[in-house]
Amino acid sequence: ERLVPAKVPGAVQLDWARATGLPDHNYADNFTQYAWMEDVYWHYRAHLPQSHGPVTFVCGGVDYHFIVRWMVMLFMTRRECSRLLRFRCRTDRGAA
């Protein structure tokens, strides 16, 4: 497993390209070097600062199936998300 920095909002293909030095996908046939990325799974991971109250998770514009895990519990799974999702999470291993 290799972790690379991601920009949010952004695109996983461009995050990978920045990290690995792929050429600009808009130039000539460079886009062919990006084709394999449509057929693999990507994981985003974030470490949040410690909070003494609820935190709010916001996401939107996810093209494919995604799963949100909070601490060790499965919080949400969806096929796609074209609208903005917002929900609050407690920091004591529960969900609000």
PDB file of N, CA and C in Angstrom:
ATOM      1  N   GLU A   1       0.845  -1.178   0.000  1.00  0.00           N
ATOM      2  CA  GLU A   1       0.000   0.000   0.000  1.00  0.00           C
ATOM      3  C   GLU A   1       0.889   1.240   0.000  1.00  0.00           C
ATOM      4  N   ARG A   2       0.630   2.117  -0.939  1.00  0.00           N
ATOM      5  CA  ARG A   2       1.393   3.370  -1.026  1.00  0.00           C
ATOM      6  C   ARG A   2       0.440   4.529  -0.791  1.00  0.00           C
ATOM      7  N   LEU A   3       0.786   5.401   0.112  1.00  0.00           N
ATOM      8  CA  LEU A   3      -0.024   6.575   0.395  1.00  0.00           C
ATOM      9  C   LEU A   3       0.589   7.788  -0.293  1.00  0.00           C
ATOM     10  N   VAL A   4      -0.248   8.587  -0.944  1.00  0.00           N
ATOM     11  CA  VAL A   4       0.207   9.816  -1.589  1.00  0.00           C
ATOM     12  C   VAL A   4      -0.696  10.966  -1.134  1.00  0.00           C
ATOM     13  N   PRO A   5      -0.179  12.182  -1.088  1.00  0.00           N
ATOM     14  CA  PRO A   5      -1.001  13.327  -0.696  1.00  0.00           C
ATOM     15  C   PRO A   5      -2.134  13.556  -1.699  1.00  0.00           C
ATOM     16  N   ALA A   6      -3.281  13.950  -1.190  1.00  0.00           N
ATOM     17  CA  ALA A   6      -4.436  14.220  -2.050  1.00  0.00           C
ATOM     18  C   ALA A   6      -4.916  15.647  -1.841  1.00  0.00           C
ATOM     19  N   LYS A   7      -5.452  16.224  -2.896  1.00  0.00           N
ATOM     20  CA  LYS A   7      -6.089  17.542  -2.802  1.00  0.00           C
ATOM     21  C   LYS A   7      -7.593  17.327  -2.816  1.00  0.00           C
ATOM     22  N   VAL A   8      -8.276  17.988  -1.911  1.00  0.00           N
ATOM     23  CA  VAL A   8      -9.729  17.882  -1.839  1.00  0.00           C
ATOM     24  C   VAL A   8     -10.295  19.291  -1.881  1.00  0.00           C
ATOM     25  N   PRO A   9     -11.203  19.602  -2.806  1.00  0.00           N
ATOM     26  CA  PRO A   9     -11.702  18.699  -3.833  1.00  0.00           C
ATOM     27  C   PRO A   9     -10.633  18.435  -4.888  1.00  0.00           C
ATOM     28  N   GLY A  10     -10.788  17.341  -5.586  1.00  0.00           N
ATOM     29  CA  GLY A  10      -9.814  16.976  -6.597  1.00  0.00           C
ATOM     30  C   GLY A  10     -10.185  15.685  -7.287  1.00  0.00           C
ATOM     31  N   ALA A  11      -9.205  15.056  -7.886  1.00  0.00           N
ATOM     32  CA  ALA A  11      -9.403  13.794  -8.596  1.00  0.00           C
ATOM     33  C   ALA A  11      -8.252  12.863  -8.252  1.00  0.00           C
ATOM     34  N   VAL A  12      -8.569  11.639  -7.956  1.00  0.00           N
ATOM     35  CA  VAL A  12      -7.544  10.686  -7.549  1.00  0.00           C
ATOM     36  C   VAL A  12      -6.490  10.500  -8.640  1.00  0.00           C
ATOM     37  N   GLN A  13      -6.905  10.550  -9.894  1.00  0.00           N
ATOM     38  CA  GLN A  13      -5.955  10.390 -10.991  1.00  0.00           C
ATOM     39  C   GLN A  13      -4.900  11.505 -10.973  1.00  0.00           C
ATOM     40  N   LEU A  14      -5.340  12.717 -10.695  1.00  0.00           N
ATOM     41  CA  LEU A  14      -4.398  13.835 -10.660  1.00  0.00           C
ATOM     42  C   LEU A  14      -3.514  13.782  -9.422  1.00  0.00           C
ATOM     43  N   ASP A  15      -4.057  13.288  -8.303  1.00  0.00           N
ATOM     44  CA  ASP A  15      -3.244  13.100  -7.099  1.00  0.00           C
ATOM     45  C   ASP A  15      -2.122  12.103  -7.375  1.00  0.00           C
ATOM     46  N   TRP A  16      -2.470  10.987  -8.018  1.00  0.00           N
ATOM     47  CA  TRP A  16      -1.473   9.961  -8.341  1.00  0.00           C
ATOM     48  C   TRP A  16      -0.441  10.514  -9.327  1.00  0.00           C
ATOM     49  N   ALA A  17      -0.911  11.263 -10.323  1.00  0.00           N
ATOM     50  CA  ALA A  17      -0.006  11.832 -11.321  1.00  0.00           C
ATOM     51  C   ALA A  17       1.010  12.770 -10.673  1.00  0.00           C
ATOM     52  N   ARG A  18       0.550  13.617  -9.754  1.00  0.00           N
ATOM     53  CA  ARG A  18       1.470  14.525  -9.059  1.00  0.00           C
ATOM     54  C   ARG A  18       2.514  13.744  -8.265  1.00  0.00           C
ATOM     55  N   ALA A  19       2.069  12.698  -7.584  1.00  0.00           N
ATOM     56  CA  ALA A  19       2.970  11.931  -6.719  1.00  0.00           C
ATOM     57  C   ALA A  19       3.976  11.089  -7.498  1.00  0.00           C
ATOM     58  N   THR A  20       3.604  10.660  -8.694  1.00  0.00           N
ATOM     59  CA  THR A  20       4.473   9.742  -9.447  1.00  0.00           C
ATOM     60  C   THR A  20       5.121  10.379 -10.668  1.00  0.00           C
ATOM     61  N   GLY A  21       4.813  11.654 -10.922  1.00  0.00           N
ATOM     62  CA  GLY A  21       5.449  12.347 -12.039  1.00  0.00           C
ATOM     63  C   GLY A  21       4.900  12.016 -13.410  1.00  0.00           C
ATOM     64  N   LEU A  22       3.633  11.590 -13.481  1.00  0.00           N
ATOM     65  CA  LEU A  22       3.037  11.334 -14.798  1.00  0.00           C
ATOM     66  C   LEU A  22       2.926  12.649 -15.571  1.00  0.00           C
ATOM     67  N   PRO A  23       3.022  12.583 -16.899  1.00  0.00           N
ATOM     68  CA  PRO A  23       2.919  13.804 -17.708  1.00  0.00           C
ATOM     69  C   PRO A  23       1.476  14.324 -17.741  1.00  0.00           C
ATOM     70  N   ASP A  24       1.319  15.560 -18.170  1.00  0.00           N
ATOM     71  CA  ASP A  24       0.009  16.207 -18.280  1.00  0.00           C
ATOM     72  C   ASP A  24      -0.921  15.369 -19.162  1.00  0.00           C
ATOM     73  N   HIS A  25      -2.062  15.000 -18.618  1.00  0.00           N
ATOM     74  CA  HIS A  25      -2.998  14.147 -19.362  1.00  0.00           C
ATOM     75  C   HIS A  25      -3.667  14.874 -20.527  1.00  0.00           C
ATOM     76  N   ASN A  26      -3.571  16.183 -20.569  1.00  0.00           N
ATOM     77  CA  ASN A  26      -4.175  16.961 -21.654  1.00  0.00           C
ATOM     78  C   ASN A  26      -3.281  17.055 -22.889  1.00  0.00           C
ATOM     79  N   TYR A  27      -2.058  16.562 -22.804  1.00  0.00           N
ATOM     80  CA  TYR A  27      -1.116  16.709 -23.901  1.00  0.00           C
ATOM     81  C   TYR A  27      -0.974  15.406 -24.686  1.00  0.00           C
ATOM     82  N   ALA A  28      -1.114  15.503 -25.997  1.00  0.00           N
ATOM     83  CA  ALA A  28      -0.939  14.372 -26.926  1.00  0.00           C
ATOM     84  C   ALA A  28      -1.721  13.154 -26.454  1.00  0.00           C
ATOM     85  N   ASP A  29      -1.067  11.986 -26.414  1.00  0.00           N
ATOM     86  CA  ASP A  29      -1.777  10.773 -25.980  1.00  0.00           C
ATOM     87  C   ASP A  29      -1.395  10.373 -24.549  1.00  0.00           C
ATOM     88  N   ASN A  30      -0.959  11.344 -23.753  1.00  0.00           N
ATOM     89  CA  ASN A  30      -0.593  11.056 -22.364  1.00  0.00           C
ATOM     90  C   ASN A  30      -1.745  10.468 -21.562  1.00  0.00           C
ATOM     91  N   PHE A  31      -2.983  10.762 -21.964  1.00  0.00           N
ATOM     92  CA  PHE A  31      -4.144  10.241 -21.247  1.00  0.00           C
ATOM     93  C   PHE A  31      -4.136   8.719 -21.188  1.00  0.00           C
ATOM     94  N   THR A  32      -3.461   8.070 -22.118  1.00  0.00           N
ATOM     95  CA  THR A  32      -3.441   6.599 -22.115  1.00  0.00           C
ATOM     96  C   THR A  32      -2.714   6.050 -20.880  1.00  0.00           C
ATOM     97  N   GLN A  33      -1.809   6.835 -20.305  1.00  0.00           N
ATOM     98  CA  GLN A  33      -1.094   6.403 -19.106  1.00  0.00           C
ATOM     99  C   GLN A  33      -1.976   6.452 -17.862  1.00  0.00           C
ATOM    100  N   TYR A  34      -3.156   7.041 -17.982  1.00  0.00           N
ATOM    101  CA  TYR A  34      -4.091   7.183 -16.869  1.00  0.00           C
ATOM    102  C   TYR A  34      -5.220   6.147 -16.921  1.00  0.00           C
ATOM    103  N   ALA A  35      -5.358   5.446 -18.025  1.00  0.00           N
ATOM    104  CA  ALA A  35      -6.519   4.572 -18.243  1.00  0.00           C
ATOM    105  C   ALA A  35      -6.673   3.496 -17.170  1.00  0.00           C
ATOM    106  N   TRP A  36      -5.610   2.904 -16.706  1.00  0.00           N
ATOM    107  CA  TRP A  36      -5.679   1.821 -15.720  1.00  0.00           C
ATOM    108  C   TRP A  36      -6.299   2.275 -14.398  1.00  0.00           C
ATOM    109  N   MET A  37      -6.266   3.566 -14.124  1.00  0.00           N
ATOM    110  CA  MET A  37      -6.744   4.087 -12.842  1.00  0.00           C
ATOM    111  C   MET A  37      -8.251   3.966 -12.664  1.00  0.00           C
ATOM    112  N   GLU A  38      -8.975   3.774 -13.744  1.00  0.00           N
ATOM    113  CA  GLU A  38     -10.430   3.621 -13.656  1.00  0.00           C
ATOM    114  C   GLU A  38     -10.834   2.245 -13.135  1.00  0.00           C
ATOM    115  N   ASP A  39      -9.917   1.295 -13.136  1.00  0.00           N
ATOM    116  CA  ASP A  39     -10.254  -0.085 -12.786  1.00  0.00           C
ATOM    117  C   ASP A  39      -9.655  -0.548 -11.464  1.00  0.00           C
ATOM    118  N   VAL A  40      -9.273   0.380 -10.604  1.00  0.00           N
ATOM    119  CA  VAL A  40      -8.708   0.016  -9.303  1.00  0.00           C
ATOM    120  C   VAL A  40      -9.444   0.769  -8.201  1.00  0.00           C
ATOM    121  N   TYR A  41      -9.301   0.271  -6.981  1.00  0.00           N
ATOM    122  CA  TYR A  41      -9.906   0.920  -5.820  1.00  0.00           C
ATOM    123  C   TYR A  41      -8.926   1.903  -5.211  1.00  0.00           C
ATOM    124  N   TRP A  42      -9.454   2.989  -4.719  1.00  0.00           N
ATOM    125  CA  TRP A  42      -8.641   4.017  -4.076  1.00  0.00           C
ATOM    126  C   TRP A  42      -9.157   4.227  -2.665  1.00  0.00           C
ATOM    127  N   HIS A  43      -8.259   4.490  -1.758  1.00  0.00           N
ATOM    128  CA  HIS A  43      -8.617   4.750  -0.364  1.00  0.00           C
ATOM    129  C   HIS A  43      -8.108   6.129   0.023  1.00  0.00           C
ATOM    130  N   TYR A  44      -8.981   6.899   0.621  1.00  0.00           N
ATOM    131  CA  TYR A  44      -8.575   8.179   1.202  1.00  0.00           C
ATOM    132  C   TYR A  44      -8.570   8.003   2.705  1.00  0.00           C
ATOM    133  N   ARG A  45      -7.581   8.555   3.334  1.00  0.00           N
ATOM    134  CA  ARG A  45      -7.450   8.451   4.775  1.00  0.00           C
ATOM    135  C   ARG A  45      -7.128   9.836   5.320  1.00  0.00           C
ATOM    136  N   ALA A  46      -7.742  10.159   6.445  1.00  0.00           N
ATOM    137  CA  ALA A  46      -7.472  11.451   7.083  1.00  0.00           C
ATOM    138  C   ALA A  46      -7.365  11.248   8.585  1.00  0.00           C
ATOM    139  N   HIS A  47      -6.457  11.957   9.177  1.00  0.00           N
ATOM    140  CA  HIS A  47      -6.331  11.978  10.628  1.00  0.00           C
ATOM    141  C   HIS A  47      -6.881  13.306  11.102  1.00  0.00           C
ATOM    142  N   LEU A  48      -7.875  13.244  11.964  1.00  0.00           N
ATOM    143  CA  LEU A  48      -8.507  14.450  12.463  1.00  0.00           C
ATOM    144  C   LEU A  48      -7.943  14.805  13.829  1.00  0.00           C
ATOM    145  N   PRO A  49      -7.821  16.087  14.109  1.00  0.00           N
ATOM    146  CA  PRO A  49      -7.349  16.471  15.433  1.00  0.00           C
ATOM    147  C   PRO A  49      -8.355  16.038  16.497  1.00  0.00           C
ATOM    148  N   GLN A  50      -7.874  15.798  17.698  1.00  0.00           N
ATOM    149  CA  GLN A  50      -8.755  15.372  18.778  1.00  0.00           C
ATOM    150  C   GLN A  50      -9.789  16.456  19.044  1.00  0.00           C
ATOM    151  N   SER A  51     -11.029  16.029  19.221  1.00  0.00           N
ATOM    152  CA  SER A  51     -12.121  16.946  19.474  1.00  0.00           C
ATOM    153  C   SER A  51     -12.841  16.511  20.742  1.00  0.00           C
ATOM    154  N   HIS A  52     -13.331  17.473  21.484  1.00  0.00           N
ATOM    155  CA  HIS A  52     -14.068  17.155  22.706  1.00  0.00           C
ATOM    156  C   HIS A  52     -15.565  17.265  22.487  1.00  0.00           C
ATOM    157  N   GLY A  53     -15.985  17.334  21.267  1.00  0.00           N
ATOM    158  CA  GLY A  53     -17.404  17.410  20.937  1.00  0.00           C
ATOM    159  C   GLY A  53     -17.631  16.796  19.570  1.00  0.00           C
ATOM    160  N   PRO A  54     -18.845  16.933  19.045  1.00  0.00           N
ATOM    161  CA  PRO A  54     -19.146  16.359  17.720  1.00  0.00           C
ATOM    162  C   PRO A  54     -18.315  17.010  16.611  1.00  0.00           C
ATOM    163  N   VAL A  55     -18.005  16.247  15.588  1.00  0.00           N
ATOM    164  CA  VAL A  55     -17.370  16.777  14.382  1.00  0.00           C
ATOM    165  C   VAL A  55     -18.333  16.576  13.228  1.00  0.00           C
ATOM    166  N   THR A  56     -18.205  17.373  12.194  1.00  0.00           N
ATOM    167  CA  THR A  56     -19.092  17.265  11.039  1.00  0.00           C
ATOM    168  C   THR A  56     -18.303  16.757   9.849  1.00  0.00           C
ATOM    169  N   PHE A  57     -18.806  15.706   9.224  1.00  0.00           N
ATOM    170  CA  PHE A  57     -18.204  15.138   8.015  1.00  0.00           C
ATOM    171  C   PHE A  57     -19.031  15.619   6.835  1.00  0.00           C
ATOM    172  N   VAL A  58     -18.368  16.159   5.802  1.00  0.00           N
ATOM    173  CA  VAL A  58     -19.054  16.665   4.621  1.00  0.00           C
ATOM    174  C   VAL A  58     -18.388  16.069   3.390  1.00  0.00           C
ATOM    175  N   CYS A  59     -19.181  15.531   2.471  1.00  0.00           N
ATOM    176  CA  CYS A  59     -18.618  15.064   1.199  1.00  0.00           C
ATOM    177  C   CYS A  59     -19.662  15.245   0.110  1.00  0.00           C
ATOM    178  N   GLY A  60     -19.190  15.249  -1.120  1.00  0.00           N
ATOM    179  CA  GLY A  60     -20.084  15.377  -2.259  1.00  0.00           C
ATOM    180  C   GLY A  60     -19.317  15.137  -3.539  1.00  0.00           C
ATOM    181  N   GLY A  61     -20.024  14.775  -4.580  1.00  0.00           N
ATOM    182  CA  GLY A  61     -19.406  14.580  -5.873  1.00  0.00           C
ATOM    183  C   GLY A  61     -18.564  13.323  -5.985  1.00  0.00           C
ATOM    184  N   VAL A  62     -18.913  12.278  -5.237  1.00  0.00           N
ATOM    185  CA  VAL A  62     -18.190  11.006  -5.332  1.00  0.00           C
ATOM    186  C   VAL A  62     -18.794  10.216  -6.492  1.00  0.00           C
ATOM    187  N   ASP A  63     -17.963   9.816  -7.444  1.00  0.00           N
ATOM    188  CA  ASP A  63     -18.463   9.182  -8.665  1.00  0.00           C
ATOM    189  C   ASP A  63     -18.858   7.725  -8.497  1.00  0.00           C
ATOM    190  N   TYR A  64     -18.202   7.019  -7.584  1.00  0.00           N
ATOM    191  CA  TYR A  64     -18.388   5.582  -7.501  1.00  0.00           C
ATOM    192  C   TYR A  64     -18.769   5.173  -6.096  1.00  0.00           C
ATOM    193  N   HIS A  65     -18.867   3.882  -5.883  1.00  0.00           N
ATOM    194  CA  HIS A  65     -19.193   3.341  -4.569  1.00  0.00           C
ATOM    195  C   HIS A  65     -18.195   3.821  -3.523  1.00  0.00           C
ATOM    196  N   PHE A  66     -18.698   4.196  -2.366  1.00  0.00           N
ATOM    197  CA  PHE A  66     -17.786   4.608  -1.306  1.00  0.00           C
ATOM    198  C   PHE A  66     -18.297   4.157   0.049  1.00  0.00           C
ATOM    199  N   ILE A  67     -17.375   4.040   0.973  1.00  0.00           N
ATOM    200  CA  ILE A  67     -17.668   3.634   2.340  1.00  0.00           C
ATOM    201  C   ILE A  67     -17.005   4.644   3.269  1.00  0.00           C
ATOM    202  N   VAL A  68     -17.732   5.059   4.282  1.00  0.00           N
ATOM    203  CA  VAL A  68     -17.174   5.957   5.296  1.00  0.00           C
ATOM    204  C   VAL A  68     -17.093   5.173   6.597  1.00  0.00           C
ATOM    205  N   ARG A  69     -15.909   5.146   7.179  1.00  0.00           N
ATOM    206  CA  ARG A  69     -15.718   4.517   8.482  1.00  0.00           C
ATOM    207  C   ARG A  69     -15.322   5.593   9.475  1.00  0.00           C
ATOM    208  N   TRP A  70     -15.960   5.544  10.629  1.00  0.00           N
ATOM    209  CA  TRP A  70     -15.632   6.476  11.708  1.00  0.00           C
ATOM    210  C   TRP A  70     -15.160   5.647  12.874  1.00  0.00           C
ATOM    211  N   MET A  71     -13.923   5.863  13.261  1.00  0.00           N
ATOM    212  CA  MET A  71     -13.251   5.037  14.255  1.00  0.00           C
ATOM    213  C   MET A  71     -13.272   3.601  13.727  1.00  0.00           C
ATOM    214  N   VAL A  72     -13.944   2.670  14.349  1.00  0.00           N
ATOM    215  CA  VAL A  72     -13.942   1.301  13.832  1.00  0.00           C
ATOM    216  C   VAL A  72     -15.295   0.879  13.286  1.00  0.00           C
ATOM    217  N   MET A  73     -16.289   1.763  13.290  1.00  0.00           N
ATOM    218  CA  MET A  73     -17.609   1.336  12.833  1.00  0.00           C
ATOM    219  C   MET A  73     -17.890   1.809  11.410  1.00  0.00           C
ATOM    220  N   LEU A  74     -18.657   1.010  10.692  1.00  0.00           N
ATOM    221  CA  LEU A  74     -19.110   1.380   9.357  1.00  0.00           C
ATOM    222  C   LEU A  74     -20.174   2.445   9.518  1.00  0.00           C
ATOM    223  N   PHE A  75     -19.957   3.588   8.901  1.00  0.00           N
ATOM    224  CA  PHE A  75     -20.864   4.708   9.102  1.00  0.00           C
ATOM    225  C   PHE A  75     -21.808   4.896   7.927  1.00  0.00           C
ATOM    226  N   MET A  76     -21.312   4.707   6.712  1.00  0.00           N
ATOM    227  CA  MET A  76     -22.148   4.930   5.545  1.00  0.00           C
ATOM    228  C   MET A  76     -21.568   4.200   4.345  1.00  0.00           C
ATOM    229  N   THR A  77     -22.439   3.659   3.517  1.00  0.00           N
ATOM    230  CA  THR A  77     -22.022   3.093   2.239  1.00  0.00           C
ATOM    231  C   THR A  77     -23.057   3.501   1.190  1.00  0.00           C
ATOM    232  N   ARG A  78     -22.579   3.956   0.049  1.00  0.00           N
ATOM    233  CA  ARG A  78     -23.476   4.432  -1.016  1.00  0.00           C
ATOM    234  C   ARG A  78     -22.886   4.087  -2.368  1.00  0.00           C
ATOM    235  N   ARG A  79     -23.731   4.085  -3.368  1.00  0.00           N
ATOM    236  CA  ARG A  79     -23.280   3.816  -4.734  1.00  0.00           C
ATOM    237  C   ARG A  79     -22.646   5.034  -5.377  1.00  0.00           C
ATOM    238  N   GLU A  80     -23.202   6.193  -5.166  1.00  0.00           N
ATOM    239  CA  GLU A  80     -22.592   7.421  -5.656  1.00  0.00           C
ATOM    240  C   GLU A  80     -23.204   8.579  -4.909  1.00  0.00           C
ATOM    241  N   CYS A  81     -22.618   9.715  -5.042  1.00  0.00           N
ATOM    242  CA  CYS A  81     -23.073  10.869  -4.274  1.00  0.00           C
ATOM    243  C   CYS A  81     -22.931  12.117  -5.124  1.00  0.00           C
ATOM    244  N   SER A  82     -24.007  12.519  -5.766  1.00  0.00           N
ATOM    245  CA  SER A  82     -23.946  13.725  -6.580  1.00  0.00           C
ATOM    246  C   SER A  82     -24.392  14.945  -5.776  1.00  0.00           C
ATOM    247  N   ARG A  83     -24.948  14.712  -4.583  1.00  0.00           N
ATOM    248  CA  ARG A  83     -25.357  15.841  -3.741  1.00  0.00           C
ATOM    249  C   ARG A  83     -24.454  15.913  -2.516  1.00  0.00           C
ATOM    250  N   LEU A  84     -24.511  17.002  -1.833  1.00  0.00           N
ATOM    251  CA  LEU A  84     -23.689  17.206  -0.648  1.00  0.00           C
ATOM    252  C   LEU A  84     -24.249  16.401   0.525  1.00  0.00           C
ATOM    253  N   LEU A  85     -23.400  15.633   1.171  1.00  0.00           N
ATOM    254  CA  LEU A  85     -23.769  14.894   2.377  1.00  0.00           C
ATOM    255  C   LEU A  85     -23.104  15.550   3.570  1.00  0.00           C
ATOM    256  N   ARG A  86     -23.845  15.666   4.642  1.00  0.00           N
ATOM    257  CA  ARG A  86     -23.307  16.267   5.857  1.00  0.00           C
ATOM    258  C   ARG A  86     -23.882  15.487   7.032  1.00  0.00           C
ATOM    259  N   PHE A  87     -23.023  15.012   7.914  1.00  0.00           N
ATOM    260  CA  PHE A  87     -23.513  14.387   9.139  1.00  0.00           C
ATOM    261  C   PHE A  87     -22.530  14.602  10.269  1.00  0.00           C
ATOM    262  N   ARG A  88     -23.061  14.575  11.473  1.00  0.00           N
ATOM    263  CA  ARG A  88     -22.260  14.831  12.660  1.00  0.00           C
ATOM    264  C   ARG A  88     -21.874  13.517  13.308  1.00  0.00           C
ATOM    265  N   CYS A  89     -20.668  13.464  13.843  1.00  0.00           N
ATOM    266  CA  CYS A  89     -20.151  12.261  14.479  1.00  0.00           C
ATOM    267  C   CYS A  89     -19.683  12.612  15.884  1.00  0.00           C
ATOM    268  N   ARG A  90     -20.014  11.765  16.835  1.00  0.00           N
ATOM    269  CA  ARG A  90     -19.498  11.953  18.192  1.00  0.00           C
ATOM    270  C   ARG A  90     -18.103  11.366  18.250  1.00  0.00           C
ATOM    271  N   THR A  91     -17.320  11.831  19.182  1.00  0.00           N
ATOM    272  CA  THR A  91     -15.954  11.331  19.326  1.00  0.00           C
ATOM    273  C   THR A  91     -15.867  10.185  20.332  1.00  0.00           C
ATOM    274  N   ASP A  92     -16.999   9.742  20.879  1.00  0.00           N
ATOM    275  CA  ASP A  92     -16.984   8.669  21.870  1.00  0.00           C
ATOM    276  C   ASP A  92     -17.451   7.348  21.261  1.00  0.00           C
ATOM    277  N   ARG A  93     -17.021   7.062  20.015  1.00  0.00           N
ATOM    278  CA  ARG A  93     -17.331   5.835  19.286  1.00  0.00           C
ATOM    279  C   ARG A  93     -18.808   5.666  18.965  1.00  0.00           C
ATOM    280  N   GLY A  94     -19.516   6.750  18.850  1.00  0.00           N
ATOM    281  CA  GLY A  94     -20.917   6.698  18.465  1.00  0.00           C
ATOM    282  C   GLY A  94     -21.176   7.645  17.321  1.00  0.00           C
ATOM    283  N   ALA A  95     -22.402   7.691  16.883  1.00  0.00           N
ATOM    284  CA  ALA A  95     -22.779   8.603  15.808  1.00  0.00           C
ATOM    285  C   ALA A  95     -23.984   9.409  16.251  1.00  0.00           C
ATOM    286  N   ALA A  96     -24.012  10.666  15.896  1.00  0.00           N
ATOM    287  CA  ALA A  96     -25.133  11.529  16.265  1.00  0.00           C
ATOM    288  C   ALA A  96     -26.134  11.594  15.135  1.00  0.00           C
TER     289      ALA A  96
END
